[in-house]
Amino acid sequence: MQARLAIDNVADSWITRQFAAEYAAHFDVVLPLLASARLPLPLGGTSNHFRRAALDRVGAWDPFNVAEDADLGVRLARSGWRTLVIASTTDEEAPRTAGAWLRQRTRWYKGWMQTLLVHGRAPRRLIGEIGWSGMFSFLFLLGGGLVSALMHPVFALALALRWSFGGEVDASPASLLLDGLGILVLLTGYGATMFCTIIGMRHRRLSGLWRVLPLIPLYWLMLSAAGWRALFQLIAAPQRWEKTEHGLARTSRRRPVRLRLRPARTRATRRRPTVKPR
């Protein structure tokens, strides 16, 4: 069972706001859809509930994968277990600085790469265990996310150069095909991301939708930087674990509720008659 994760420190920075929107799309739209279709899904690292027998049967955690939660979700599916997404929500603290965010996302992407390499070693066996639909879901969610992060700046740069030079660039069929592919990738990626983000934020009742959507292209460039950094680390330092530091949040979605209750309790306490000790 996977609980839904939600970012608590939404107002810390624009990065935490984008992170909250991303989580809303992922945990309130994408994962429930995969679970309802009985497809394998990468687990989140927080608020998972397992049967001990299931963990023992699949070999528990992989100590060599830096995104062991994603790997475990695939191994559970391969062993015939089904993962459900429950309505319970667990709050999580998001990194509020670009450096902390980059280190965390690098680790996630590197773990996704390790998961793809491990489970992709025997594709026929993998298809036999999770089926063609499961294989497509596995490749689309993990592989597609990685490929889009790595190739996004390439396509964006190619299109920018094409439009900057106008008619001076090559107009060969290969060049036109590359331009069309780049436009298709950008439109499909941005369209799907914005669609899931709108649904997720409305479901999560997050405000600031029109501040999130214009910054998605910038956020994607950050994802690309994390993807390339993860690829270099996969070669040079595959087991390097850049731990995310927590306890640095400045805001909380739940804190105002507690703050409103404190003055009432204080005034009520003052009205109580004091009894002097004899």
Protein backbone atom coordinates (compact mmCIF):
# COMPACT_ATOMS: atom_id res chain seq x y z
CA MET A 1 0.00 0.00 0.00
CA GLN A 2 1.32 3.40 -1.00
CA ALA A 3 -0.05 6.47 0.75
CA ARG A 4 -0.26 9.72 -1.17
CA LEU A 5 2.55 12.16 -0.46
CA ALA A 6 2.04 15.92 -0.31
CA ILE A 7 4.51 18.75 0.18
CA ASP A 8 3.96 20.64 3.43
CA ASN A 9 6.35 23.60 3.02
CA VAL A 10 4.78 24.83 -0.21
CA ALA A 11 5.42 28.52 0.46
CA ASP A 12 9.15 28.23 1.21
CA SER A 13 10.27 29.04 -2.34
CA TRP A 14 9.26 28.72 -5.98
CA ILE A 15 11.08 25.37 -6.01
CA THR A 16 8.93 23.95 -3.22
CA ARG A 17 5.84 25.26 -5.02
CA GLN A 18 6.84 23.48 -8.23
CA PHE A 19 7.73 20.39 -6.21
CA ALA A 20 4.29 20.42 -4.56
CA ALA A 21 2.59 20.66 -7.95
CA GLU A 22 4.76 17.82 -9.27
CA TYR A 23 3.88 15.63 -6.28
CA ALA A 24 0.19 16.40 -6.71
CA ALA A 25 0.33 15.25 -10.33
CA HIS A 26 2.38 12.15 -9.50
CA PHE A 27 0.65 10.87 -6.36
CA ASP A 28 -2.90 12.08 -7.01
CA VAL A 29 -3.12 11.42 -10.76
CA VAL A 30 -0.42 9.16 -12.23
CA LEU A 31 0.07 6.54 -9.50
CA PRO A 32 -3.67 6.01 -8.78
CA LEU A 33 -4.20 5.55 -12.51
CA LEU A 34 -1.45 2.93 -12.72
CA ALA A 35 -2.72 1.18 -9.60
CA SER A 36 -6.29 1.02 -10.91
CA ALA A 37 -4.96 -0.54 -14.12
CA ARG A 38 -2.98 -3.13 -12.08
CA LEU A 39 0.29 -1.91 -13.56
CA PRO A 40 3.66 -1.82 -11.77
CA LEU A 41 4.48 1.49 -10.18
CA PRO A 42 7.60 2.89 -8.54
CA LEU A 43 6.99 3.37 -4.86
CA GLY A 44 7.61 6.61 -3.03
CA GLY A 45 10.13 6.44 -0.23
CA THR A 46 7.66 7.50 2.47
CA SER A 47 4.54 5.92 3.99
CA ASN A 48 4.68 2.48 2.40
CA HIS A 49 2.86 -0.44 4.00
CA PHE A 50 3.94 -3.99 3.15
CA ARG A 51 3.17 -7.52 4.08
CA ARG A 52 6.28 -9.00 5.63
CA ALA A 53 5.83 -12.13 3.53
CA ALA A 54 5.91 -10.05 0.36
CA LEU A 55 9.13 -8.30 1.36
CA ASP A 56 10.80 -11.59 2.27
CA ARG A 57 9.71 -13.21 -0.97
CA VAL A 58 11.15 -10.50 -3.23
CA GLY A 59 14.40 -10.18 -1.28
CA ALA A 60 13.59 -7.02 0.70
CA TRP A 61 15.53 -3.83 -0.10
CA ASP A 62 18.30 -3.68 -2.68
CA PRO A 63 21.28 -2.18 -0.77
CA PHE A 64 23.04 -1.21 -4.02
CA ASN A 65 20.19 0.85 -5.52
CA VAL A 66 20.02 4.48 -4.40
CA ALA A 67 16.29 4.55 -5.27
CA GLU A 68 15.42 1.28 -3.60
CA ASP A 69 11.75 2.22 -3.33
CA ALA A 70 11.32 2.40 -7.11
CA ASP A 71 13.19 -0.88 -7.56
CA LEU A 72 11.08 -2.59 -4.91
CA GLY A 73 7.85 -1.54 -6.62
CA VAL A 74 8.97 -3.27 -9.83
CA ARG A 75 10.14 -6.41 -8.00
CA LEU A 76 6.81 -6.69 -6.18
CA ALA A 77 4.99 -6.55 -9.51
CA ARG A 78 7.31 -9.17 -10.99
CA SER A 79 6.51 -11.51 -8.11
CA GLY A 80 2.76 -11.17 -8.64
CA TRP A 81 1.97 -8.70 -5.87
CA ARG A 82 -0.32 -5.75 -6.50
CA THR A 83 0.31 -2.23 -5.18
CA LEU A 84 -2.61 0.01 -4.25
CA VAL A 85 -2.65 3.76 -3.60
CA ILE A 86 -4.71 4.63 -0.54
CA ALA A 87 -6.45 7.93 0.17
CA SER A 88 -4.37 8.67 3.27
CA THR A 89 -1.94 11.58 2.84
CA THR A 90 1.52 11.88 4.38
CA ASP A 91 3.16 15.30 4.52
CA GLU A 92 6.74 15.61 3.31
CA GLU A 93 9.31 18.38 3.39
CA ALA A 94 10.69 19.46 0.02
CA PRO A 95 14.16 20.96 -0.51
CA ARG A 96 13.81 24.73 -0.70
CA THR A 97 17.15 25.54 -2.34
CA ALA A 98 18.37 24.67 -5.83
CA GLY A 99 21.45 22.85 -4.53
CA ALA A 100 19.55 20.60 -2.14
CA TRP A 101 16.91 19.92 -4.79
CA LEU A 102 19.56 19.04 -7.40
CA ARG A 103 21.31 16.56 -5.12
CA GLN A 104 18.07 14.84 -4.19
CA ARG A 105 16.80 14.62 -7.78
CA THR A 106 20.18 13.36 -8.97
CA ARG A 107 19.95 10.48 -6.53
CA TRP A 108 16.41 9.66 -7.67
CA TYR A 109 17.34 9.70 -11.34
CA LYS A 110 20.44 7.61 -10.73
CA GLY A 111 18.32 5.05 -8.89
CA TRP A 112 15.86 4.99 -11.79
CA MET A 113 18.75 4.28 -14.15
CA GLN A 114 19.93 1.45 -11.91
CA THR A 115 16.40 0.05 -11.79
CA LEU A 116 16.12 0.13 -15.59
CA LEU A 117 19.49 -1.58 -16.00
CA VAL A 118 18.78 -4.30 -13.43
CA HIS A 119 15.30 -5.22 -14.63
CA GLY A 120 16.10 -4.71 -18.30
CA ARG A 121 18.84 -7.33 -18.38
CA ALA A 122 16.36 -10.05 -19.36
CA PRO A 123 13.51 -8.31 -21.26
CA ARG A 124 11.75 -11.52 -22.29
CA ARG A 125 11.59 -12.71 -18.70
CA LEU A 126 10.38 -9.28 -17.58
CA ILE A 127 7.58 -9.31 -20.18
CA GLY A 128 6.60 -12.82 -19.10
CA GLU A 129 6.26 -11.68 -15.48
CA ILE A 130 4.54 -8.29 -15.85
CA GLY A 131 3.11 -8.53 -19.39
CA TRP A 132 3.36 -6.14 -22.31
CA SER A 133 1.24 -3.50 -20.60
CA GLY A 134 3.41 -3.65 -17.50
CA MET A 135 6.54 -3.44 -19.63
CA PHE A 136 5.20 -0.39 -21.45
CA SER A 137 4.27 1.27 -18.16
CA PHE A 138 7.70 0.49 -16.70
CA LEU A 139 9.55 1.91 -19.71
CA PHE A 140 7.24 4.91 -20.11
CA LEU A 141 7.33 6.07 -16.49
CA LEU A 142 10.98 5.45 -15.63
CA GLY A 143 12.62 5.35 -19.05
CA GLY A 144 10.45 8.06 -20.55
CA GLY A 145 11.07 10.38 -17.62
CA LEU A 146 14.82 9.91 -17.91
CA VAL A 147 14.95 10.27 -21.71
CA SER A 148 12.82 13.41 -21.64
CA ALA A 149 15.06 14.93 -18.96
CA LEU A 150 18.22 14.13 -20.92
CA MET A 151 16.94 15.12 -24.37
CA HIS A 152 14.88 18.17 -23.47
CA PRO A 153 17.75 20.68 -23.65
CA VAL A 154 18.98 19.11 -26.91
CA PHE A 155 15.62 19.55 -28.63
CA ALA A 156 15.11 22.99 -27.11
CA LEU A 157 18.54 24.14 -28.29
CA ALA A 158 17.98 22.72 -31.78
CA LEU A 159 14.67 24.54 -32.11
CA ALA A 160 16.15 27.77 -30.74
CA LEU A 161 18.98 27.65 -33.28
CA ARG A 162 16.52 26.86 -36.06
CA TRP A 163 14.30 29.83 -35.24
CA SER A 164 17.24 32.16 -34.58
CA PHE A 165 18.88 31.62 -37.96
CA GLY A 166 15.58 31.47 -39.84
CA GLY A 167 16.02 30.35 -43.46
CA GLU A 168 19.82 30.13 -43.24
CA VAL A 169 19.76 26.64 -41.72
CA ASP A 170 19.52 23.40 -43.63
CA ALA A 171 16.00 22.67 -44.91
CA SER A 172 16.68 19.03 -45.75
CA PRO A 173 14.15 16.31 -44.89
CA ALA A 174 16.36 15.14 -42.02
CA SER A 175 16.46 18.63 -40.56
CA LEU A 176 12.70 19.06 -40.91
CA LEU A 177 12.16 15.66 -39.29
CA LEU A 178 14.34 16.67 -36.36
CA ASP A 179 12.43 19.93 -35.99
CA GLY A 180 9.11 18.13 -36.10
CA LEU A 181 10.26 15.57 -33.56
CA GLY A 182 11.49 18.29 -31.25
CA ILE A 183 8.22 20.20 -31.47
CA LEU A 184 6.22 17.00 -30.92
CA VAL A 185 8.27 16.08 -27.85
CA LEU A 186 7.95 19.55 -26.38
CA LEU A 187 4.22 19.86 -27.02
CA THR A 188 3.43 16.34 -25.82
CA GLY A 189 5.61 16.63 -22.74
CA TYR A 190 4.44 20.08 -21.74
CA GLY A 191 0.81 19.26 -22.52
CA ALA A 192 0.75 16.05 -20.48
CA THR A 193 2.62 17.68 -17.61
CA MET A 194 0.32 20.69 -17.47
CA PHE A 195 -2.80 18.52 -17.73
CA CYS A 196 -1.75 16.28 -14.82
CA THR A 197 -0.56 19.30 -12.84
CA ILE A 198 -3.90 21.09 -13.17
CA ILE A 199 -5.85 18.00 -12.10
CA GLY A 200 -3.48 17.22 -9.23
CA MET A 201 -3.39 20.75 -7.85
CA ARG A 202 -7.16 21.05 -7.95
CA HIS A 203 -7.54 17.69 -6.24
CA ARG A 204 -4.98 18.71 -3.62
CA ARG A 205 -6.55 22.19 -3.34
CA LEU A 206 -3.25 23.93 -3.98
CA SER A 207 -3.42 27.60 -4.89
CA GLY A 208 -1.08 29.41 -7.25
CA LEU A 209 -1.78 27.36 -10.37
CA TRP A 210 -0.97 30.25 -12.71
CA ARG A 211 2.33 30.81 -10.92
CA VAL A 212 3.28 27.15 -11.39
CA LEU A 213 2.47 26.62 -15.07
CA PRO A 214 4.69 29.41 -16.52
CA LEU A 215 7.69 28.08 -14.58
CA ILE A 216 7.41 24.48 -15.83
CA PRO A 217 9.94 25.08 -18.68
CA LEU A 218 12.49 26.39 -16.17
CA TYR A 219 11.76 23.47 -13.85
CA TRP A 220 12.30 21.08 -16.76
CA LEU A 221 15.75 22.57 -17.35
CA MET A 222 16.54 21.80 -13.72
CA LEU A 223 15.32 18.25 -14.27
CA SER A 224 17.65 18.01 -17.26
CA ALA A 225 20.61 19.16 -15.17
CA ALA A 226 19.77 16.52 -12.56
CA GLY A 227 19.41 13.85 -15.27
CA TRP A 228 22.83 14.53 -16.81
CA ARG A 229 24.41 14.75 -13.36
CA ALA A 230 22.86 11.38 -12.50
CA LEU A 231 24.24 9.83 -15.69
CA PHE A 232 27.77 11.00 -14.87
CA GLN A 233 27.43 9.73 -11.30
CA LEU A 234 26.15 6.37 -12.54
CA ILE A 235 29.51 5.91 -14.29
CA ALA A 236 31.83 7.54 -11.76
CA ALA A 237 30.11 6.97 -8.40
CA PRO A 238 27.14 4.58 -8.77
CA GLN A 239 26.70 4.00 -5.01
CA ARG A 240 27.20 7.59 -3.92
CA TRP A 241 24.32 8.58 -1.65
CA GLU A 242 23.64 12.32 -1.38
CA LYS A 243 21.36 12.41 1.61
CA THR A 244 18.65 15.06 1.71
CA GLU A 245 18.81 17.23 4.81
CA HIS A 246 15.45 17.81 6.51
CA GLY A 247 14.18 20.05 9.26
CA LEU A 248 14.88 23.27 7.33
CA ALA A 249 11.31 24.20 6.34
CA ARG A 250 10.21 27.76 7.03
CA THR A 251 6.50 27.37 6.31
CA SER A 252 3.83 24.73 6.72
CA ARG A 253 0.36 24.26 5.31
CA ARG A 254 -0.84 22.98 8.70
CA ARG A 255 0.98 25.42 10.97
CA PRO A 256 -1.56 28.31 10.62
CA VAL A 257 -4.26 26.04 12.04
CA ARG A 258 -2.20 25.37 15.12
CA LEU A 259 -1.29 29.02 15.47
CA ARG A 260 -4.93 30.07 15.45
CA LEU A 261 -5.70 27.66 18.24
CA ARG A 262 -2.96 28.81 20.58
CA PRO A 263 -4.35 32.27 21.48
CA ALA A 264 -7.77 30.81 22.30
CA ARG A 265 -6.21 28.27 24.66
CA THR A 266 -4.09 30.96 26.26
CA ARG A 267 -7.05 33.26 26.95
CA ALA A 268 -9.08 30.35 28.26
CA THR A 269 -6.26 29.46 30.62
CA ARG A 270 -6.10 33.03 31.95
CA ARG A 271 -9.82 33.06 32.80
CA ARG A 272 -9.45 30.10 35.10
CA PRO A 273 -9.41 31.11 38.79
CA THR A 274 -6.08 30.64 40.46
CA VAL A 275 -5.95 28.78 43.73
CA LYS A 276 -3.23 29.84 46.12
CA PRO A 277 -1.54 27.03 47.98
CA ARG A 278 -2.16 27.00 51.72
